[in-house]
Structures are given as structure tokens and as C-alpha cells.
């Protein structure tokens, strides 16, 4: 009897050890958020995805993370999973070109516009996530003062909320692009969900501006072969950027100026934001924008809408 109990205890011990090895720990690693980090950059670094980080850390707004804070990381995904080779980000951009070389079976190059040729003396300012009633009007006022045209990639839910600001963007000669309805990572949605996000935004913009968008910027800049195929079928041109101001996560205008001015080159597409989440400020953007515009004019570089920079149609016929 004693021998049987010993065997049973040994078996139980083995089972416990095997379970501790085989059952994944989804939050055994931690990451301290650094200056300039975003959930997009962190998810790339740890070979995971934004929805996983949001769920694991109970993040209410993916656009709002703070340097110095700690994130629980899905350790198992980082070590054992293989990221879909057809999902990619700015790391896959071809240097000195305006396209992305994406791996696929046909070995074709799928196009994502991120900059123009450097022999053009033009640059495009682009603003994401608007409109809103606070920062978008301030940005429009600055652009009007300096007689500059820009491109605004708008969220459908914000267009619905602020139709008059949307109309103002158009009336003052700026271009509008599609930035989805609610800012999801499109590579994590199925085809129907993607279509719903894009077409709902397209419809809202159409009702207010009488224009059908031809340009789209996927949230977080995440794309994949499958997504690009679908966007092509929907007759959209995909626009990324070559300079990220990281204005949404900047503490002052100096951070933005240092980040942007050091990278300025003719043909660049610069990413800013015209709306932001709760308790975050785009005051540094509003303060930095006049300095950037003055510097570009000083260098005899013209600021144009992104469709003009890339020789694309802003809207569908």
C-alpha cells in the first residue's frame, strides 16, 4: 500500500512538472514603455499584435500609452509563434523608393506610397485621426495663415460627430482620405469587417462632402498581402509616410521639431495628428507646425496635398 502511494505521488509530481512547462504563461514578461513607443512598435518588437496587448493590459485607448508605464507582455507569443510573413510594417519599406516590397507567391511588388522622388521640391503634411472640435480647427487656422494645403485622413466616427469641421477642411482646399471608422488594426479583421470599416467611413464622407475617397491610410500603418489585395479590389491607393513626428506622444514642440527637421527631404510625407484621445494634448503639434512650415519655405520646398505630391487622384470619379 505504501509503495502504491509513493508511485501515485511520483506520478502526480511528474504531471505537475509537465503542466508547468507545457501550459503557457501569457504574462510572464514585462516591458517598460520608452519615449516614442507606440503599441504598434512594441507589438512588432515582441512579435505579437495590438489587440493582444490591449486585452492583456486592459487598455481602454490604444493611442494612449505613457512612457515609464509597465506593460504585461505575452511571453509565449514572443518566443514560440511565427509572425505572419505577409504582415509587415515600415521595416519592409524599400529605401529611396515610394513602394513597399511585399513577399508573396507571385513575387510581385505591391504598392504602398510613402514618399515621392527626391528631385521634387515638394513635401506633404498629413494629419490622422480627426476631425475634432479642438485641435483640427487650430491646425486649419495655421495652414490658412501660411497658405498651405495638407491632407487629412479622417475617422468615420469623427466625421459623423464633427461634420462642420469636415466641411471646413474641404472648403479651405485640403484633401481628405479614409482612415477607417474606428481605428482598428485591419490585419486582425476579416474581409467583411474591413469592408464595413472602410465603406461606412466612405459613405459618411460622401454624405457631407459629396466626394468619394480614393486614398486610404490603414491605422497604425499595419498592412498585409491579403489586406493590400482587398484594398486594391476596393480601388483604394494606400498611403503611408516617410517621417513620423510622433506628435501624439510628444511633451513639447522641441521634441517634434528635432524629430522632423533632422529628417526633412524633398518628396517626404510627414505624419501628424489632428485629433487625439482623452487626457492627451496636441498642443506641441500646434506650436511646432508654424516653425516647420517656415523652415520648409526657407528651403524653397512647397507644401502640397499628398495626392499632388504622388500624382494621384484624391477622389474617385
C-alpha atoms as a PDB file:
ATOM      1  CA  UNK A   1       0.000   0.000   0.000  1.00  0.00           C
ATOM      2  CA  UNK A   2       2.816   2.355   0.934  1.00  0.00           C
ATOM      3  CA  UNK A   3       4.573   1.502  -2.313  1.00  0.00           C
ATOM      4  CA  UNK A   4       1.408   2.297  -4.290  1.00  0.00           C
ATOM      5  CA  UNK A   5       1.074   5.707  -2.567  1.00  0.00           C
ATOM      6  CA  UNK A   6       4.672   6.531  -3.421  1.00  0.00           C
ATOM      7  CA  UNK A   7       4.064   5.659  -7.066  1.00  0.00           C
ATOM      8  CA  UNK A   8       0.924   7.799  -7.104  1.00  0.00           C
ATOM      9  CA  UNK A   9       2.746  10.763  -5.551  1.00  0.00           C
ATOM     10  CA  UNK A  10       5.567  10.382  -8.066  1.00  0.00           C
ATOM     11  CA  UNK A  11       3.105  10.335 -10.947  1.00  0.00           C
ATOM     12  CA  UNK A  12       1.341  13.446  -9.640  1.00  0.00           C
ATOM     13  CA  UNK A  13       4.678  15.243  -9.293  1.00  0.00           C
ATOM     14  CA  UNK A  14       5.592  14.397 -12.890  1.00  0.00           C
ATOM     15  CA  UNK A  15       2.204  15.680 -14.082  1.00  0.00           C
ATOM     16  CA  UNK A  16       2.679  18.959 -12.213  1.00  0.00           C
ATOM     17  CA  UNK A  17       6.134  19.468 -13.705  1.00  0.00           C
ATOM     18  CA  UNK A  18       4.922  18.695 -17.247  1.00  0.00           C
ATOM     19  CA  UNK A  19       1.936  21.041 -16.823  1.00  0.00           C
ATOM     20  CA  UNK A  20       4.133  23.898 -15.644  1.00  0.00           C
ATOM     21  CA  UNK A  21       6.277  23.503 -18.751  1.00  0.00           C
ATOM     22  CA  UNK A  22       3.505  22.987 -21.304  1.00  0.00           C
ATOM     23  CA  UNK A  23       0.841  25.435 -20.107  1.00  0.00           C
ATOM     24  CA  UNK A  24       1.745  28.856 -21.481  1.00  0.00           C
ATOM     25  CA  UNK A  25       2.190  31.858 -19.256  1.00  0.00           C
ATOM     26  CA  UNK A  26       0.675  34.747 -21.121  1.00  0.00           C
ATOM     27  CA  UNK A  27       2.074  37.497 -18.959  1.00  0.00           C
ATOM     28  CA  UNK A  28       5.397  36.365 -17.510  1.00  0.00           C
ATOM     29  CA  UNK A  29       7.343  39.143 -19.254  1.00  0.00           C
ATOM     30  CA  UNK A  30       7.107  42.858 -18.614  1.00  0.00           C
ATOM     31  CA  UNK A  31       8.089  45.827 -20.751  1.00  0.00           C
ATOM     32  CA  UNK A  32       8.671  49.409 -19.621  1.00  0.00           C
ATOM     33  CA  UNK A  33       7.323  51.875 -22.185  1.00  0.00           C
ATOM     34  CA  UNK A  34      10.021  54.137 -23.591  1.00  0.00           C
ATOM     35  CA  UNK A  35       9.825  57.644 -25.031  1.00  0.00           C
ATOM     36  CA  UNK A  36       8.420  57.442 -28.573  1.00  0.00           C
ATOM     37  CA  UNK A  37       6.966  53.941 -28.154  1.00  0.00           C
ATOM     38  CA  UNK A  38       3.572  53.005 -29.546  1.00  0.00           C
ATOM     39  CA  UNK A  39       1.605  49.773 -29.253  1.00  0.00           C
ATOM     40  CA  UNK A  40       2.397  49.234 -32.926  1.00  0.00           C
ATOM     41  CA  UNK A  41       6.179  49.445 -32.416  1.00  0.00           C
ATOM     42  CA  UNK A  42       6.047  47.359 -29.227  1.00  0.00           C
ATOM     43  CA  UNK A  43       3.923  44.643 -30.864  1.00  0.00           C
ATOM     44  CA  UNK A  44       6.437  44.411 -33.718  1.00  0.00           C
ATOM     45  CA  UNK A  45       9.334  44.162 -31.260  1.00  0.00           C
ATOM     46  CA  UNK A  46       7.700  41.352 -29.283  1.00  0.00           C
ATOM     47  CA  UNK A  47       6.256  39.512 -32.288  1.00  0.00           C
ATOM     48  CA  UNK A  48       2.691  39.957 -31.080  1.00  0.00           C
ATOM     49  CA  UNK A  49      -0.225  42.199 -32.062  1.00  0.00           C
ATOM     50  CA  UNK A  50      -2.028  45.261 -30.769  1.00  0.00           C
ATOM     51  CA  UNK A  51      -5.335  43.557 -29.769  1.00  0.00           C
ATOM     52  CA  UNK A  52      -3.397  41.068 -27.614  1.00  0.00           C
ATOM     53  CA  UNK A  53      -1.584  43.881 -25.768  1.00  0.00           C
ATOM     54  CA  UNK A  54      -4.827  45.808 -25.329  1.00  0.00           C
ATOM     55  CA  UNK A  55      -6.654  42.795 -23.892  1.00  0.00           C
ATOM     56  CA  UNK A  56      -3.786  41.661 -21.686  1.00  0.00           C
ATOM     57  CA  UNK A  57      -3.270  45.116 -20.166  1.00  0.00           C
ATOM     58  CA  UNK A  58      -6.935  46.207 -20.227  1.00  0.00           C
ATOM     59  CA  UNK A  59      -6.024  49.298 -22.251  1.00  0.00           C
ATOM     60  CA  UNK A  60      -9.059  51.480 -22.903  1.00  0.00           C
ATOM     61  CA  UNK A  61      -7.459  53.645 -25.604  1.00  0.00           C
ATOM     62  CA  UNK A  62      -4.662  52.087 -27.743  1.00  0.00           C
ATOM     63  CA  UNK A  63      -3.473  55.587 -28.719  1.00  0.00           C
ATOM     64  CA  UNK A  64      -2.791  56.471 -25.093  1.00  0.00           C
ATOM     65  CA  UNK A  65       0.257  54.839 -23.522  1.00  0.00           C
ATOM     66  CA  UNK A  66       2.700  56.618 -21.267  1.00  0.00           C
ATOM     67  CA  UNK A  67       6.484  56.371 -21.066  1.00  0.00           C
ATOM     68  CA  UNK A  68       7.602  54.806 -17.786  1.00  0.00           C
ATOM     69  CA  UNK A  69       4.492  52.640 -17.502  1.00  0.00           C
ATOM     70  CA  UNK A  70       4.806  48.848 -17.479  1.00  0.00           C
ATOM     71  CA  UNK A  71       3.102  46.500 -19.894  1.00  0.00           C
ATOM     72  CA  UNK A  72       2.470  42.808 -19.383  1.00  0.00           C
ATOM     73  CA  UNK A  73       3.872  41.019 -22.439  1.00  0.00           C
ATOM     74  CA  UNK A  74       2.604  37.741 -23.961  1.00  0.00           C
ATOM     75  CA  UNK A  75       5.863  35.885 -23.369  1.00  0.00           C
ATOM     76  CA  UNK A  76       4.741  32.705 -25.114  1.00  0.00           C
ATOM     77  CA  UNK A  77       3.884  34.503 -28.348  1.00  0.00           C
ATOM     78  CA  UNK A  78       7.249  36.229 -28.344  1.00  0.00           C
ATOM     79  CA  UNK A  79       9.191  33.005 -28.014  1.00  0.00           C
ATOM     80  CA  UNK A  80       7.193  30.424 -29.879  1.00  0.00           C
ATOM     81  CA  UNK A  81       4.955  31.967 -32.516  1.00  0.00           C
ATOM     82  CA  UNK A  82       5.983  32.826 -36.041  1.00  0.00           C
ATOM     83  CA  UNK A  83       4.705  36.169 -37.228  1.00  0.00           C
ATOM     84  CA  UNK A  84       2.801  36.047 -40.489  1.00  0.00           C
ATOM     85  CA  UNK A  85       5.437  36.817 -43.104  1.00  0.00           C
ATOM     86  CA  UNK A  86       2.795  38.563 -45.160  1.00  0.00           C
ATOM     87  CA  UNK A  87       2.100  41.106 -42.433  1.00  0.00           C
ATOM     88  CA  UNK A  88       4.607  43.907 -42.389  1.00  0.00           C
ATOM     89  CA  UNK A  89       5.296  47.488 -41.423  1.00  0.00           C
ATOM     90  CA  UNK A  90       7.746  50.284 -42.182  1.00  0.00           C
ATOM     91  CA  UNK A  91      10.659  47.872 -41.715  1.00  0.00           C
ATOM     92  CA  UNK A  92       9.795  46.409 -45.122  1.00  0.00           C
ATOM     93  CA  UNK A  93       9.945  49.708 -46.965  1.00  0.00           C
ATOM     94  CA  UNK A  94      12.449  49.902 -49.774  1.00  0.00           C
ATOM     95  CA  UNK A  95      14.931  52.746 -49.110  1.00  0.00           C
ATOM     96  CA  UNK A  96      14.862  55.588 -51.588  1.00  0.00           C
ATOM     97  CA  UNK A  97      11.624  54.485 -53.189  1.00  0.00           C
ATOM     98  CA  UNK A  98       7.928  55.068 -52.767  1.00  0.00           C
ATOM     99  CA  UNK A  99       6.844  51.442 -52.691  1.00  0.00           C
ATOM    100  CA  UNK A 100       6.981  48.518 -50.343  1.00  0.00           C
ATOM    101  CA  UNK A 101       8.360  45.185 -51.482  1.00  0.00           C
ATOM    102  CA  UNK A 102       5.940  42.668 -50.035  1.00  0.00           C
ATOM    103  CA  UNK A 103       6.603  38.934 -50.086  1.00  0.00           C
ATOM    104  CA  UNK A 104       4.013  36.871 -51.929  1.00  0.00           C
ATOM    105  CA  UNK A 105       3.799  33.749 -54.032  1.00  0.00           C
ATOM    106  CA  UNK A 106       3.792  35.611 -57.324  1.00  0.00           C
ATOM    107  CA  UNK A 107       6.868  37.609 -56.326  1.00  0.00           C
ATOM    108  CA  UNK A 108       5.153  40.796 -57.372  1.00  0.00           C
ATOM    109  CA  UNK A 109       5.620  44.204 -55.807  1.00  0.00           C
ATOM    110  CA  UNK A 110       2.544  45.649 -54.183  1.00  0.00           C
ATOM    111  CA  UNK A 111       2.465  49.396 -53.962  1.00  0.00           C
ATOM    112  CA  UNK A 112       2.262  51.486 -50.824  1.00  0.00           C
ATOM    113  CA  UNK A 113       3.018  55.146 -51.315  1.00  0.00           C
ATOM    114  CA  UNK A 114       5.250  56.657 -48.642  1.00  0.00           C
ATOM    115  CA  UNK A 115       7.239  59.359 -50.431  1.00  0.00           C
ATOM    116  CA  UNK A 116       7.879  60.927 -53.805  1.00  0.00           C
ATOM    117  CA  UNK A 117      11.114  61.161 -55.754  1.00  0.00           C
ATOM    118  CA  UNK A 118      13.691  63.361 -54.071  1.00  0.00           C
ATOM    119  CA  UNK A 119      14.087  65.513 -57.180  1.00  0.00           C
ATOM    120  CA  UNK A 120      10.738  67.181 -56.493  1.00  0.00           C
ATOM    121  CA  UNK A 121      10.863  70.309 -54.328  1.00  0.00           C
ATOM    122  CA  UNK A 122       7.646  69.400 -52.575  1.00  0.00           C
ATOM    123  CA  UNK A 123       6.577  67.874 -49.257  1.00  0.00           C
ATOM    124  CA  UNK A 124       3.164  66.741 -47.993  1.00  0.00           C
ATOM    125  CA  UNK A 125       1.853  67.347 -44.493  1.00  0.00           C
ATOM    126  CA  UNK A 126      -0.693  64.721 -43.431  1.00  0.00           C
ATOM    127  CA  UNK A 127      -2.911  64.628 -40.337  1.00  0.00           C
ATOM    128  CA  UNK A 128      -4.598  61.495 -38.935  1.00  0.00           C
ATOM    129  CA  UNK A 129      -7.490  60.648 -36.607  1.00  0.00           C
ATOM    130  CA  UNK A 130      -9.569  63.814 -36.991  1.00  0.00           C
ATOM    131  CA  UNK A 131     -11.595  65.785 -37.184  1.00  0.00           C
ATOM    132  CA  UNK A 132     -12.278  67.166 -33.722  1.00  0.00           C
ATOM    133  CA  UNK A 133     -13.535  70.495 -32.402  1.00  0.00           C
ATOM    134  CA  UNK A 134     -10.329  71.495 -30.604  1.00  0.00           C
ATOM    135  CA  UNK A 135      -7.119  70.767 -32.490  1.00  0.00           C
ATOM    136  CA  UNK A 136      -8.325  70.380 -36.091  1.00  0.00           C
ATOM    137  CA  UNK A 137      -9.630  73.989 -36.241  1.00  0.00           C
ATOM    138  CA  UNK A 138      -6.353  75.267 -34.750  1.00  0.00           C
ATOM    139  CA  UNK A 139      -4.343  73.353 -37.352  1.00  0.00           C
ATOM    140  CA  UNK A 140      -6.604  74.641 -40.134  1.00  0.00           C
ATOM    141  CA  UNK A 141      -6.096  78.207 -38.905  1.00  0.00           C
ATOM    142  CA  UNK A 142      -2.309  77.815 -39.119  1.00  0.00           C
ATOM    143  CA  UNK A 143      -2.455  76.260 -42.576  1.00  0.00           C
ATOM    144  CA  UNK A 144      -4.684  79.094 -43.777  1.00  0.00           C
ATOM    145  CA  UNK A 145      -2.365  81.731 -42.318  1.00  0.00           C
ATOM    146  CA  UNK A 146       0.616  80.360 -44.255  1.00  0.00           C
ATOM    147  CA  UNK A 147      -1.417  79.465 -47.365  1.00  0.00           C
ATOM    148  CA  UNK A 148      -0.526  75.773 -47.083  1.00  0.00           C
ATOM    149  CA  UNK A 149      -2.594  72.816 -48.252  1.00  0.00           C
ATOM    150  CA  UNK A 150      -2.487  69.481 -46.432  1.00  0.00           C
ATOM    151  CA  UNK A 151      -4.158  66.069 -46.360  1.00  0.00           C
ATOM    152  CA  UNK A 152      -6.406  64.827 -43.552  1.00  0.00           C
ATOM    153  CA  UNK A 153      -7.008  61.094 -43.086  1.00  0.00           C
ATOM    154  CA  UNK A 154     -10.303  61.040 -41.223  1.00  0.00           C
ATOM    155  CA  UNK A 155     -12.071  58.553 -38.974  1.00  0.00           C
ATOM    156  CA  UNK A 156     -15.685  57.934 -39.923  1.00  0.00           C
ATOM    157  CA  UNK A 157     -16.939  58.219 -36.358  1.00  0.00           C
ATOM    158  CA  UNK A 158     -15.257  61.626 -36.038  1.00  0.00           C
ATOM    159  CA  UNK A 159     -16.654  62.816 -39.372  1.00  0.00           C
ATOM    160  CA  UNK A 160     -20.121  61.865 -38.144  1.00  0.00           C
ATOM    161  CA  UNK A 161     -19.525  63.775 -34.915  1.00  0.00           C
ATOM    162  CA  UNK A 162     -17.999  66.902 -36.476  1.00  0.00           C
ATOM    163  CA  UNK A 163     -19.497  67.396 -39.957  1.00  0.00           C
ATOM    164  CA  UNK A 164     -18.902  71.160 -39.996  1.00  0.00           C
ATOM    165  CA  UNK A 165     -15.165  70.753 -39.363  1.00  0.00           C
ATOM    166  CA  UNK A 166     -15.079  68.145 -42.132  1.00  0.00           C
ATOM    167  CA  UNK A 167     -16.711  70.634 -44.495  1.00  0.00           C
ATOM    168  CA  UNK A 168     -14.217  73.296 -43.431  1.00  0.00           C
ATOM    169  CA  UNK A 169     -11.311  71.037 -44.399  1.00  0.00           C
ATOM    170  CA  UNK A 170     -12.723  70.664 -47.914  1.00  0.00           C
ATOM    171  CA  UNK A 171     -13.814  74.288 -48.270  1.00  0.00           C
ATOM    172  CA  UNK A 172     -10.313  75.507 -47.435  1.00  0.00           C
ATOM    173  CA  UNK A 173      -8.768  73.434 -50.219  1.00  0.00           C
ATOM    174  CA  UNK A 174      -7.320  70.489 -48.327  1.00  0.00           C
ATOM    175  CA  UNK A 175      -7.595  66.835 -49.336  1.00  0.00           C
ATOM    176  CA  UNK A 176      -9.360  64.110 -47.374  1.00  0.00           C
ATOM    177  CA  UNK A 177      -8.500  60.419 -47.112  1.00  0.00           C
ATOM    178  CA  UNK A 178     -10.097  57.385 -45.448  1.00  0.00           C
ATOM    179  CA  UNK A 179      -8.678  56.263 -42.071  1.00  0.00           C
ATOM    180  CA  UNK A 180     -11.436  53.699 -41.276  1.00  0.00           C
ATOM    181  CA  UNK A 181     -14.392  54.174 -38.949  1.00  0.00           C
ATOM    182  CA  UNK A 182     -12.953  53.272 -35.540  1.00  0.00           C
ATOM    183  CA  UNK A 183      -9.163  52.935 -35.983  1.00  0.00           C
ATOM    184  CA  UNK A 184      -8.716  49.129 -35.733  1.00  0.00           C
ATOM    185  CA  UNK A 185      -5.718  47.105 -36.834  1.00  0.00           C
ATOM    186  CA  UNK A 186      -7.142  45.982 -40.182  1.00  0.00           C
ATOM    187  CA  UNK A 187      -4.842  42.962 -40.410  1.00  0.00           C
ATOM    188  CA  UNK A 188      -6.726  41.461 -37.459  1.00  0.00           C
ATOM    189  CA  UNK A 189     -10.165  41.776 -39.068  1.00  0.00           C
ATOM    190  CA  UNK A 190     -11.882  39.538 -41.595  1.00  0.00           C
ATOM    191  CA  UNK A 191     -12.808  40.787 -45.067  1.00  0.00           C
ATOM    192  CA  UNK A 192     -16.348  41.762 -44.148  1.00  0.00           C
ATOM    193  CA  UNK A 193     -15.223  43.694 -41.075  1.00  0.00           C
ATOM    194  CA  UNK A 194     -12.588  45.521 -43.128  1.00  0.00           C
ATOM    195  CA  UNK A 195     -15.151  46.412 -45.776  1.00  0.00           C
ATOM    196  CA  UNK A 196     -17.553  47.667 -43.117  1.00  0.00           C
ATOM    197  CA  UNK A 197     -14.907  49.918 -41.514  1.00  0.00           C
ATOM    198  CA  UNK A 198     -13.922  51.464 -44.854  1.00  0.00           C
ATOM    199  CA  UNK A 199     -17.273  51.746 -46.589  1.00  0.00           C
ATOM    200  CA  UNK A 200     -19.027  53.229 -43.542  1.00  0.00           C
ATOM    201  CA  UNK A 201     -16.384  55.963 -43.479  1.00  0.00           C
ATOM    202  CA  UNK A 202     -16.572  56.430 -47.240  1.00  0.00           C
ATOM    203  CA  UNK A 203     -20.349  56.830 -47.014  1.00  0.00           C
ATOM    204  CA  UNK A 204     -20.154  59.361 -44.175  1.00  0.00           C
ATOM    205  CA  UNK A 205     -17.572  61.472 -46.002  1.00  0.00           C
ATOM    206  CA  UNK A 206     -19.617  61.273 -49.215  1.00  0.00           C
ATOM    207  CA  UNK A 207     -22.780  62.496 -47.492  1.00  0.00           C
ATOM    208  CA  UNK A 208     -21.008  65.515 -46.007  1.00  0.00           C
ATOM    209  CA  UNK A 209     -18.556  66.496 -48.757  1.00  0.00           C
ATOM    210  CA  UNK A 210     -20.038  64.915 -51.897  1.00  0.00           C
ATOM    211  CA  UNK A 211     -16.660  63.260 -52.510  1.00  0.00           C
ATOM    212  CA  UNK A 212     -15.664  59.598 -52.579  1.00  0.00           C
ATOM    213  CA  UNK A 213     -12.215  58.997 -51.140  1.00  0.00           C
ATOM    214  CA  UNK A 214      -9.528  57.384 -53.282  1.00  0.00           C
ATOM    215  CA  UNK A 215      -6.750  57.404 -50.656  1.00  0.00           C
ATOM    216  CA  UNK A 216      -6.597  55.314 -47.505  1.00  0.00           C
ATOM    217  CA  UNK A 217      -4.166  55.119 -44.610  1.00  0.00           C
ATOM    218  CA  UNK A 218      -4.535  51.908 -42.561  1.00  0.00           C
ATOM    219  CA  UNK A 219      -4.444  52.610 -38.798  1.00  0.00           C
ATOM    220  CA  UNK A 220      -1.018  52.062 -37.208  1.00  0.00           C
ATOM    221  CA  UNK A 221       0.393  51.637 -40.717  1.00  0.00           C
ATOM    222  CA  UNK A 222      -0.127  47.873 -40.494  1.00  0.00           C
ATOM    223  CA  UNK A 223      -0.726  46.071 -43.776  1.00  0.00           C
ATOM    224  CA  UNK A 224      -0.501  42.601 -45.257  1.00  0.00           C
ATOM    225  CA  UNK A 225      -0.657  40.983 -48.693  1.00  0.00           C
ATOM    226  CA  UNK A 226      -4.249  39.968 -48.075  1.00  0.00           C
ATOM    227  CA  UNK A 227      -5.244  43.452 -46.934  1.00  0.00           C
ATOM    228  CA  UNK A 228      -3.471  45.104 -49.872  1.00  0.00           C
ATOM    229  CA  UNK A 229      -5.281  42.784 -52.268  1.00  0.00           C
ATOM    230  CA  UNK A 230      -8.619  43.723 -50.758  1.00  0.00           C
ATOM    231  CA  UNK A 231      -7.853  47.456 -50.787  1.00  0.00           C
ATOM    232  CA  UNK A 232      -6.828  47.182 -54.418  1.00  0.00           C
ATOM    233  CA  UNK A 233     -10.108  45.445 -55.231  1.00  0.00           C
ATOM    234  CA  UNK A 234     -11.883  48.319 -53.467  1.00  0.00           C
ATOM    235  CA  UNK A 235      -9.962  50.702 -55.724  1.00  0.00           C
ATOM    236  CA  UNK A 236      -8.015  52.421 -52.944  1.00  0.00           C
ATOM    237  CA  UNK A 237      -4.468  53.792 -53.014  1.00  0.00           C
ATOM    238  CA  UNK A 238      -2.603  53.058 -49.768  1.00  0.00           C
ATOM    239  CA  UNK A 239      -0.679  55.992 -48.290  1.00  0.00           C
ATOM    240  CA  UNK A 240       1.947  55.641 -45.557  1.00  0.00           C
ATOM    241  CA  UNK A 241       4.576  58.193 -44.561  1.00  0.00           C
ATOM    242  CA  UNK A 242       8.343  58.657 -44.569  1.00  0.00           C
ATOM    243  CA  UNK A 243       8.620  60.890 -41.474  1.00  0.00           C
ATOM    244  CA  UNK A 244       6.701  60.166 -38.267  1.00  0.00           C
ATOM    245  CA  UNK A 245       6.508  63.205 -35.983  1.00  0.00           C
ATOM    246  CA  UNK A 246       5.233  61.062 -33.072  1.00  0.00           C
ATOM    247  CA  UNK A 247       3.391  64.230 -32.086  1.00  0.00           C
ATOM    248  CA  UNK A 248       0.732  62.287 -30.177  1.00  0.00           C
ATOM    249  CA  UNK A 249       3.406  61.186 -27.711  1.00  0.00           C
ATOM    250  CA  UNK A 250       5.475  64.394 -27.540  1.00  0.00           C
ATOM    251  CA  UNK A 251       5.833  66.518 -24.429  1.00  0.00           C
ATOM    252  CA  UNK A 252       6.754  69.766 -26.162  1.00  0.00           C
ATOM    253  CA  UNK A 253       7.264  71.334 -29.593  1.00  0.00           C
ATOM    254  CA  UNK A 254      11.052  70.888 -29.370  1.00  0.00           C
ATOM    255  CA  UNK A 255      10.694  67.103 -29.457  1.00  0.00           C
ATOM    256  CA  UNK A 256       8.650  67.328 -32.656  1.00  0.00           C
ATOM    257  CA  UNK A 257      10.976  69.872 -34.282  1.00  0.00           C
ATOM    258  CA  UNK A 258      14.074  67.783 -33.513  1.00  0.00           C
ATOM    259  CA  UNK A 259      12.410  64.662 -34.843  1.00  0.00           C
ATOM    260  CA  UNK A 260      11.057  66.207 -38.049  1.00  0.00           C
ATOM    261  CA  UNK A 261      13.570  68.858 -39.094  1.00  0.00           C
ATOM    262  CA  UNK A 262      16.501  66.448 -38.939  1.00  0.00           C
ATOM    263  CA  UNK A 263      14.807  64.145 -41.475  1.00  0.00           C
ATOM    264  CA  UNK A 264      13.333  66.667 -43.895  1.00  0.00           C
ATOM    265  CA  UNK A 265      13.966  65.840 -47.527  1.00  0.00           C
ATOM    266  CA  UNK A 266      12.149  66.841 -50.711  1.00  0.00           C
ATOM    267  CA  UNK A 267       9.436  64.314 -51.503  1.00  0.00           C
ATOM    268  CA  UNK A 268       8.735  63.458 -47.861  1.00  0.00           C
ATOM    269  CA  UNK A 269       5.312  62.630 -46.452  1.00  0.00           C
ATOM    270  CA  UNK A 270       5.099  63.772 -42.826  1.00  0.00           C
ATOM    271  CA  UNK A 271       2.701  62.194 -40.333  1.00  0.00           C
ATOM    272  CA  UNK A 272       0.952  64.373 -37.735  1.00  0.00           C
ATOM    273  CA  UNK A 273      -2.383  64.067 -35.948  1.00  0.00           C
ATOM    274  CA  UNK A 274      -5.353  66.437 -35.804  1.00  0.00           C
ATOM    275  CA  UNK A 275      -7.221  64.705 -33.003  1.00  0.00           C
ATOM    276  CA  UNK A 276      -6.175  62.644 -30.015  1.00  0.00           C
ATOM    277  CA  UNK A 277      -7.536  60.604 -27.136  1.00  0.00           C
ATOM    278  CA  UNK A 278      -8.670  61.765 -23.748  1.00  0.00           C
ATOM    279  CA  UNK A 279      -6.179  63.462 -21.425  1.00  0.00           C
ATOM    280  CA  UNK A 280      -3.618  63.804 -24.220  1.00  0.00           C
ATOM    281  CA  UNK A 281      -2.615  67.052 -25.858  1.00  0.00           C
ATOM    282  CA  UNK A 282      -1.685  68.072 -29.391  1.00  0.00           C
ATOM    283  CA  UNK A 283      -0.563  71.499 -28.216  1.00  0.00           C
ATOM    284  CA  UNK A 284       3.048  70.620 -29.173  1.00  0.00           C
ATOM    285  CA  UNK A 285       1.814  69.926 -32.720  1.00  0.00           C
ATOM    286  CA  UNK A 286       0.036  73.280 -32.918  1.00  0.00           C
ATOM    287  CA  UNK A 287       3.147  75.038 -31.607  1.00  0.00           C
ATOM    288  CA  UNK A 288       5.628  73.191 -33.844  1.00  0.00           C
ATOM    289  CA  UNK A 289       3.681  73.446 -37.097  1.00  0.00           C
ATOM    290  CA  UNK A 290       4.465  77.136 -37.877  1.00  0.00           C
ATOM    291  CA  UNK A 291       8.196  76.517 -37.352  1.00  0.00           C
ATOM    292  CA  UNK A 292       8.166  73.527 -39.703  1.00  0.00           C
ATOM    293  CA  UNK A 293       6.247  75.446 -42.373  1.00  0.00           C
ATOM    294  CA  UNK A 294       8.645  78.415 -42.129  1.00  0.00           C
ATOM    295  CA  UNK A 295      11.674  76.125 -42.403  1.00  0.00           C
ATOM    296  CA  UNK A 296      10.269  74.408 -45.487  1.00  0.00           C
ATOM    297  CA  UNK A 297       9.527  77.739 -47.154  1.00  0.00           C
ATOM    298  CA  UNK A 298      13.010  78.909 -46.267  1.00  0.00           C
ATOM    299  CA  UNK A 299      14.363  75.899 -48.168  1.00  0.00           C
ATOM    300  CA  UNK A 300      12.067  76.728 -51.124  1.00  0.00           C
ATOM    301  CA  UNK A 301      10.141  73.493 -50.626  1.00  0.00           C
ATOM    302  CA  UNK A 302       6.468  73.752 -51.495  1.00  0.00           C
ATOM    303  CA  UNK A 303       3.850  72.138 -49.266  1.00  0.00           C
ATOM    304  CA  UNK A 304       1.158  70.301 -51.219  1.00  0.00           C
ATOM    305  CA  UNK A 305      -1.545  67.711 -50.664  1.00  0.00           C
ATOM    306  CA  UNK A 306      -0.295  64.128 -50.721  1.00  0.00           C
ATOM    307  CA  UNK A 307      -2.238  63.308 -53.889  1.00  0.00           C
ATOM    308  CA  UNK A 308      -0.453  66.121 -55.746  1.00  0.00           C
ATOM    309  CA  UNK A 309       2.902  65.038 -54.362  1.00  0.00           C
ATOM    310  CA  UNK A 310       2.359  61.473 -55.578  1.00  0.00           C
ATOM    311  CA  UNK A 311       0.441  62.374 -58.764  1.00  0.00           C
ATOM    312  CA  UNK A 312      -2.689  60.527 -57.660  1.00  0.00           C
ATOM    313  CA  UNK A 313      -6.367  61.373 -57.743  1.00  0.00           C
ATOM    314  CA  UNK A 314      -7.643  62.399 -54.321  1.00  0.00           C
ATOM    315  CA  UNK A 315     -11.177  61.218 -55.081  1.00  0.00           C
ATOM    316  CA  UNK A 316     -12.912  58.623 -57.218  1.00  0.00           C
ATOM    317  CA  UNK A 317     -14.853  59.800 -60.229  1.00  0.00           C
END
